[in-house]
Amino acid sequence: MKLLTFLGPAGPEAGALDPGGLIVPLSRRGHPALASLQALIESGEEGLALARDVLATEVGRVAPDSVTWLAPLPRPVQMRDFLVFEEHMRMAGWRGAQLRATWGAPPAPPEPMPIPEIWYHQPIYYKCNRFAVAGGGPVAWPGASQVIDYELELAVVIGRGGRDIIAADAGQHIFGYTIFNDLTARDLQFREMQGPLGPAKGKDFDGANVLGPVIVTRDELGDEPDLAMRALVNGEVWSEGRSGTMHWSWAHVIEHVSRGETLHPGEVLGSGTVGTGCGLELGRLLCDGDLVRLEIEGIGALETTIEAPHVPHRLVLA
């Protein structure tokens, strides 16, 4: 199933897409398990069965362009973002080394810094701001930043919680998948990460974590889907990649993050940026008015418009 959250007359509602692309409202059925997508996820197989029953009915369809789409989980219980694509790790590090001084950090060594050895021994992640989630549409860029970037990512939504999950069982804990645009203020990120800690204001601003447009359930895509991914800016293809090029599988990501720690239904785990999946790697960044469209096979398309009147021109790197 393709599940979504939209703005109804009384507030956010859970819905599902029928084969023709119409929205079938779920929350209006009055069942607690269908009150929201979070409630559906927490209810497990019962909620999925109820949603399938409602989807099979012939009444109550809503045209998708007649409502405002929200992020499928407007306020996830937790968000973490990983770095699992080796090409991005290498290319973003190389570009970053070129530009550290430009963006207020001390100059890097003349040669690109190697990928840290720890990256090959365990998945690396940081915790995102779950209150900064958007579902597409316009995002107002922070006035302190002049360097605007997108990041093309696949995200997993946890369905069944657990602790010390082994890789062989990890698939059973996946509810589904969605698209994640991890918007990044690169200049702020490079300055603050001299700390050294993970990113903060470079990724913590309203609307920075764009999720959607739907969550596609695991039964449609499997445990380790190899999906075509691409990003378009104003209709021009900038990035193309495949989720199957992940160095760390979802099974190993879930095994690692649940070690000694309980995962909960509704947590979102981002893959990190696919290779060539951001402007930094490509040498060109965004500016005011740019429309970023992320597409992932089997899920759909997620569009974001950048509102940054203080950045009227695109930064192009040598």
Protein backbone atom coordinates (compact mmCIF):
# COMPACT_ATOMS: atom_id res chain seq x y z
CA MET A 1 0.00 0.00 0.00
CA LYS A 2 0.88 3.62 -0.49
CA LEU A 3 -0.04 5.52 2.68
CA LEU A 4 -0.11 9.27 3.24
CA THR A 5 -1.21 12.06 5.53
CA PHE A 6 -3.29 14.94 4.19
CA LEU A 7 -5.00 17.97 5.65
CA GLY A 8 -8.71 17.30 6.04
CA PRO A 9 -11.53 19.57 7.27
CA ALA A 10 -10.76 18.72 10.91
CA GLY A 11 -6.97 18.46 10.66
CA PRO A 12 -4.43 15.84 9.53
CA GLU A 13 -5.91 12.56 8.26
CA ALA A 14 -4.42 9.24 7.24
CA GLY A 15 -5.13 8.01 3.74
CA ALA A 16 -4.20 5.38 1.18
CA LEU A 17 -3.88 5.63 -2.59
CA ASP A 18 -6.06 3.39 -4.73
CA PRO A 19 -4.73 1.94 -8.03
CA GLY A 20 -6.06 4.98 -9.89
CA GLY A 21 -4.19 7.43 -7.65
CA LEU A 22 -7.24 8.65 -5.71
CA ILE A 23 -7.01 9.08 -1.94
CA VAL A 24 -9.08 6.78 0.24
CA PRO A 25 -9.48 8.48 3.66
CA LEU A 26 -8.76 6.06 6.49
CA SER A 27 -9.18 8.21 9.59
CA ARG A 28 -12.84 8.96 8.79
CA ARG A 29 -13.75 5.33 9.53
CA GLY A 30 -13.45 6.11 13.23
CA HIS A 31 -11.25 3.16 14.16
CA PRO A 32 -8.44 4.08 16.61
CA ALA A 33 -5.89 2.11 14.55
CA LEU A 34 -6.63 4.35 11.55
CA ALA A 35 -6.63 7.69 13.38
CA SER A 36 -3.19 8.53 11.98
CA LEU A 37 -0.33 6.79 10.21
CA GLN A 38 1.52 6.61 13.52
CA ALA A 39 -1.48 4.80 15.05
CA LEU A 40 -1.63 2.48 12.04
CA ILE A 41 2.07 1.65 12.33
CA GLU A 42 1.76 0.98 16.06
CA SER A 43 -1.23 -1.32 15.50
CA GLY A 44 0.84 -3.68 13.35
CA GLU A 45 -0.91 -6.25 11.16
CA GLU A 46 -4.32 -5.30 12.54
CA GLY A 47 -4.00 -1.77 11.24
CA LEU A 48 -2.71 -2.90 7.85
CA ALA A 49 -5.59 -5.35 7.49
CA LEU A 50 -8.10 -2.63 8.36
CA ALA A 51 -6.51 -0.25 5.87
CA ARG A 52 -6.69 -2.89 3.13
CA ASP A 53 -10.38 -3.46 3.88
CA VAL A 54 -11.11 0.26 3.60
CA LEU A 55 -9.07 0.51 0.39
CA ALA A 56 -11.21 -2.26 -1.12
CA THR A 57 -14.44 -0.27 -0.63
CA GLU A 58 -15.96 1.78 -3.44
CA VAL A 59 -16.88 4.96 -1.57
CA GLY A 60 -15.21 8.06 -0.21
CA ARG A 61 -12.46 8.75 -2.75
CA VAL A 62 -10.75 12.15 -2.69
CA ALA A 63 -8.94 13.73 -5.65
CA PRO A 64 -5.23 14.08 -4.76
CA ASP A 65 -5.05 17.67 -5.99
CA SER A 66 -8.04 18.74 -3.88
CA VAL A 67 -6.23 18.46 -0.55
CA THR A 68 -2.94 19.60 0.99
CA TRP A 69 -0.47 16.74 1.35
CA LEU A 70 1.57 16.65 4.55
CA ALA A 71 4.60 14.57 5.44
CA PRO A 72 3.40 10.98 5.97
CA LEU A 73 4.65 11.28 9.56
CA PRO A 74 4.44 15.01 10.31
CA ARG A 75 6.27 14.54 13.62
CA PRO A 76 8.13 11.22 13.70
CA VAL A 77 8.85 9.71 17.11
CA GLN A 78 12.56 9.77 16.15
CA MET A 79 14.72 10.48 13.09
CA ARG A 80 18.25 9.34 12.35
CA ASP A 81 20.25 9.83 9.19
CA PHE A 82 23.05 7.52 8.13
CA LEU A 83 25.98 7.72 5.70
CA VAL A 84 25.84 4.44 3.78
CA PHE A 85 26.85 5.40 0.22
CA GLU A 86 30.61 5.28 -0.34
CA GLU A 87 30.57 7.45 -3.48
CA HIS A 88 28.87 10.29 -1.62
CA MET A 89 31.23 9.92 1.29
CA ARG A 90 34.23 10.26 -1.01
CA MET A 91 32.94 12.99 -3.35
CA ALA A 92 31.38 15.20 -0.67
CA GLY A 93 34.58 14.98 1.34
CA TRP A 94 36.63 16.03 -1.67
CA ARG A 95 34.42 19.01 -2.49
CA GLY A 96 34.26 19.96 1.16
CA ALA A 97 38.04 19.97 1.40
CA GLN A 98 38.14 22.39 -1.53
CA LEU A 99 35.72 24.81 0.04
CA ARG A 100 36.37 24.77 3.76
CA ALA A 101 38.19 28.11 3.73
CA THR A 102 35.56 29.65 1.45
CA TRP A 103 32.85 28.80 3.96
CA GLY A 104 34.71 29.85 7.07
CA ALA A 105 36.59 26.71 8.09
CA PRO A 106 40.39 26.34 8.23
CA PRO A 107 41.97 25.17 4.96
CA ALA A 108 42.19 21.42 4.49
CA PRO A 109 45.28 19.50 3.34
CA PRO A 110 45.91 19.79 -0.41
CA GLU A 111 45.01 16.13 -0.96
CA PRO A 112 41.46 14.86 -0.33
CA MET A 113 41.13 13.37 3.11
CA PRO A 114 40.52 9.58 3.09
CA ILE A 115 37.26 8.12 4.32
CA PRO A 116 37.70 7.42 8.05
CA GLU A 117 38.42 3.76 8.75
CA ILE A 118 35.56 3.60 11.26
CA TRP A 119 33.08 4.09 8.39
CA TYR A 120 33.99 0.64 7.08
CA HIS A 121 33.52 -0.97 10.51
CA GLN A 122 30.08 0.33 11.49
CA PRO A 123 27.22 2.43 10.12
CA ILE A 124 27.55 6.12 11.05
CA TYR A 125 24.55 8.32 11.80
CA TYR A 126 23.34 11.46 13.53
CA LYS A 127 19.93 12.29 15.03
CA CYS A 128 17.79 14.71 13.03
CA ASN A 129 15.40 17.37 14.25
CA ARG A 130 12.04 15.58 14.20
CA PHE A 131 10.25 18.91 14.71
CA ALA A 132 11.65 20.27 11.41
CA VAL A 133 9.74 17.91 9.10
CA ALA A 134 7.97 19.13 5.96
CA GLY A 135 5.97 17.26 3.34
CA GLY A 136 6.99 19.13 0.22
CA GLY A 137 6.02 22.62 -0.92
CA PRO A 138 7.98 25.79 -0.10
CA VAL A 139 10.80 25.88 2.44
CA ALA A 140 12.04 29.25 3.73
CA TRP A 141 15.85 29.16 3.76
CA PRO A 142 17.56 30.45 6.93
CA GLY A 143 18.83 33.99 6.49
CA ALA A 144 22.24 33.13 7.98
CA SER A 145 23.03 30.77 5.08
CA GLN A 146 24.09 31.56 1.52
CA VAL A 147 24.79 27.98 0.37
CA ILE A 148 21.70 25.88 -0.40
CA ASP A 149 21.80 22.14 -1.05
CA TYR A 150 19.48 19.16 -1.37
CA GLU A 151 20.25 15.52 -0.56
CA LEU A 152 18.57 12.61 -2.33
CA GLU A 153 17.87 9.81 0.16
CA LEU A 154 15.74 6.74 0.74
CA ALA A 155 14.30 6.30 4.23
CA VAL A 156 12.99 3.32 6.16
CA VAL A 157 10.10 3.57 8.63
CA ILE A 158 10.29 1.14 11.55
CA GLY A 159 7.16 -0.92 12.06
CA ARG A 160 7.85 -3.33 14.89
CA GLY A 161 10.05 -2.11 17.71
CA GLY A 162 12.78 -4.08 19.38
CA ARG A 163 16.21 -4.11 20.93
CA ASP A 164 19.35 -6.01 19.91
CA ILE A 165 17.78 -6.97 16.60
CA ILE A 166 20.00 -9.28 14.54
CA ALA A 167 20.49 -8.57 10.84
CA ALA A 168 18.71 -11.77 9.81
CA ASP A 169 15.51 -10.57 11.53
CA ALA A 170 15.75 -6.88 10.64
CA GLY A 171 13.36 -7.04 7.69
CA GLN A 172 10.52 -8.01 10.01
CA HIS A 173 10.92 -4.63 11.73
CA ILE A 174 10.51 -2.56 8.53
CA PHE A 175 7.09 -1.00 8.00
CA GLY A 176 7.88 0.72 4.72
CA TYR A 177 9.87 3.25 2.74
CA THR A 178 9.64 6.93 1.83
CA ILE A 179 11.70 9.66 0.12
CA PHE A 180 13.86 11.95 2.25
CA ASN A 181 15.24 15.31 1.08
CA ASP A 182 17.81 16.23 3.73
CA LEU A 183 18.14 19.95 3.00
CA THR A 184 21.50 21.34 4.11
CA ALA A 185 22.93 24.81 4.67
CA ARG A 186 26.46 23.88 3.62
CA ASP A 187 28.20 27.03 4.82
CA LEU A 188 26.74 26.69 8.33
CA GLN A 189 27.49 22.97 8.35
CA PHE A 190 31.17 23.39 7.47
CA ARG A 191 31.74 26.07 10.07
CA GLU A 192 30.02 24.33 12.97
CA MET A 193 31.46 20.86 12.33
CA GLN A 194 34.91 22.12 13.25
CA GLY A 195 33.55 21.36 16.77
CA PRO A 196 33.86 18.42 16.14
CA LEU A 197 30.26 17.22 16.55
CA GLY A 198 27.57 16.26 14.09
CA PRO A 199 25.64 18.85 12.07
CA ALA A 200 23.38 21.25 13.95
CA LYS A 201 22.18 24.55 12.44
CA GLY A 202 23.39 23.38 9.04
CA LYS A 203 20.46 20.97 9.08
CA ASP A 204 18.24 22.27 11.91
CA PHE A 205 15.78 24.79 10.50
CA ASP A 206 12.06 24.68 9.79
CA GLY A 207 11.27 22.37 6.89
CA ALA A 208 14.80 20.98 6.62
CA ASN A 209 13.67 17.33 6.75
CA VAL A 210 11.36 16.78 3.79
CA LEU A 211 9.56 13.41 3.79
CA GLY A 212 7.02 11.90 1.41
CA PRO A 213 4.94 11.88 -0.55
CA VAL A 214 3.87 8.45 0.73
CA ILE A 215 5.10 5.52 2.78
CA VAL A 216 5.15 2.38 0.64
CA THR A 217 4.71 -0.74 2.74
CA ARG A 218 7.41 -3.39 2.89
CA ASP A 219 5.30 -6.03 1.12
CA GLU A 220 5.52 -3.95 -2.09
CA LEU A 221 9.26 -3.22 -2.08
CA GLY A 222 10.91 -5.97 0.00
CA ASP A 223 13.66 -5.84 2.62
CA GLU A 224 16.59 -4.51 0.56
CA PRO A 225 15.08 -2.83 -2.51
CA ASP A 226 17.34 -1.73 -5.38
CA LEU A 227 15.46 1.34 -6.58
CA ALA A 228 16.30 3.94 -9.22
CA MET A 229 16.73 7.37 -7.64
CA ARG A 230 17.05 10.77 -9.28
CA ALA A 231 16.85 14.47 -8.53
CA LEU A 232 15.68 17.19 -10.90
CA VAL A 233 16.12 20.94 -10.43
CA ASN A 234 13.68 23.05 -12.43
CA GLY A 235 13.03 20.00 -14.63
CA GLU A 236 16.70 19.28 -15.35
CA VAL A 237 18.14 15.98 -14.14
CA TRP A 238 21.02 16.66 -11.73
CA SER A 239 21.42 13.39 -9.84
CA GLU A 240 20.89 9.71 -10.64
CA GLY A 241 21.71 6.65 -8.56
CA ARG A 242 20.38 3.39 -7.12
CA SER A 243 19.60 2.43 -3.56
CA GLY A 244 21.24 -0.94 -4.19
CA THR A 245 24.68 0.72 -4.08
CA MET A 246 24.43 1.10 -0.27
CA HIS A 247 27.63 -0.09 1.42
CA TRP A 248 25.67 -0.89 4.59
CA SER A 249 22.40 -2.80 4.11
CA TRP A 250 19.21 -1.90 5.94
CA ALA A 251 19.64 -5.11 7.91
CA HIS A 252 23.02 -3.96 9.22
CA VAL A 253 21.75 -0.42 9.85
CA ILE A 254 18.88 -1.75 11.99
CA GLU A 255 21.13 -4.23 13.77
CA HIS A 256 23.60 -1.48 14.63
CA VAL A 257 21.16 1.17 15.79
CA SER A 258 19.21 -1.29 17.98
CA ARG A 259 22.29 -2.55 19.79
CA GLY A 260 21.61 -1.88 23.45
CA GLU A 261 18.80 0.53 22.48
CA THR A 262 15.12 0.00 21.81
CA LEU A 263 13.76 1.01 18.41
CA HIS A 264 10.14 2.18 18.37
CA PRO A 265 7.37 2.00 15.74
CA GLY A 266 7.38 5.08 13.55
CA GLU A 267 11.10 5.85 13.78
CA VAL A 268 12.58 7.09 10.49
CA LEU A 269 16.05 6.00 9.37
CA GLY A 270 17.56 7.88 6.42
CA SER A 271 20.04 6.19 4.12
CA GLY A 272 22.19 9.25 3.65
CA THR A 273 22.82 10.71 0.22
CA VAL A 274 23.13 8.41 -2.77
CA GLY A 275 26.29 8.92 -4.87
CA THR A 276 26.10 12.23 -6.83
CA GLY A 277 22.85 12.90 -4.95
CA CYS A 278 23.55 16.48 -3.85
CA GLY A 279 24.69 19.75 -5.37
CA LEU A 280 27.93 19.76 -3.39
CA GLU A 281 29.16 16.66 -5.22
CA LEU A 282 28.15 18.11 -8.58
CA GLY A 283 29.70 21.53 -8.03
CA ARG A 284 26.50 23.56 -8.21
CA LEU A 285 24.17 24.65 -5.47
CA LEU A 286 20.60 25.96 -5.33
CA CYS A 287 19.15 29.47 -5.27
CA ASP A 288 15.89 31.30 -4.68
CA GLY A 289 12.93 29.85 -6.57
CA ASP A 290 14.51 26.53 -7.48
CA LEU A 291 12.10 23.58 -7.64
CA VAL A 292 13.75 20.37 -6.43
CA ARG A 293 12.00 17.14 -7.42
CA LEU A 294 13.24 13.88 -5.92
CA GLU A 295 12.02 10.65 -7.50
CA ILE A 296 12.45 7.09 -6.25
CA GLU A 297 11.17 4.10 -8.19
CA GLY A 298 8.09 2.53 -6.65
CA ILE A 299 7.50 5.43 -4.25
CA GLY A 300 6.83 8.55 -6.31
CA ALA A 301 8.06 12.13 -6.43
CA LEU A 302 8.68 14.70 -3.69
CA GLU A 303 8.84 18.38 -4.66
CA THR A 304 10.28 21.30 -2.70
CA THR A 305 10.53 24.96 -3.71
CA ILE A 306 13.36 26.99 -2.20
CA GLU A 307 12.41 30.41 -0.83
CA ALA A 308 15.66 32.35 -0.38
CA PRO A 309 15.39 35.94 -1.65
CA HIS A 310 18.79 36.64 -0.07
CA VAL A 311 20.36 34.03 -2.44
CA PRO A 312 19.22 35.20 -5.89
CA HIS A 313 21.99 33.49 -7.87
CA ARG A 314 23.25 29.92 -8.09
CA LEU A 315 26.71 29.17 -6.67
CA VAL A 316 28.76 27.16 -9.20
CA LEU A 317 31.99 25.55 -8.05
CA ALA A 318 35.09 25.20 -10.16
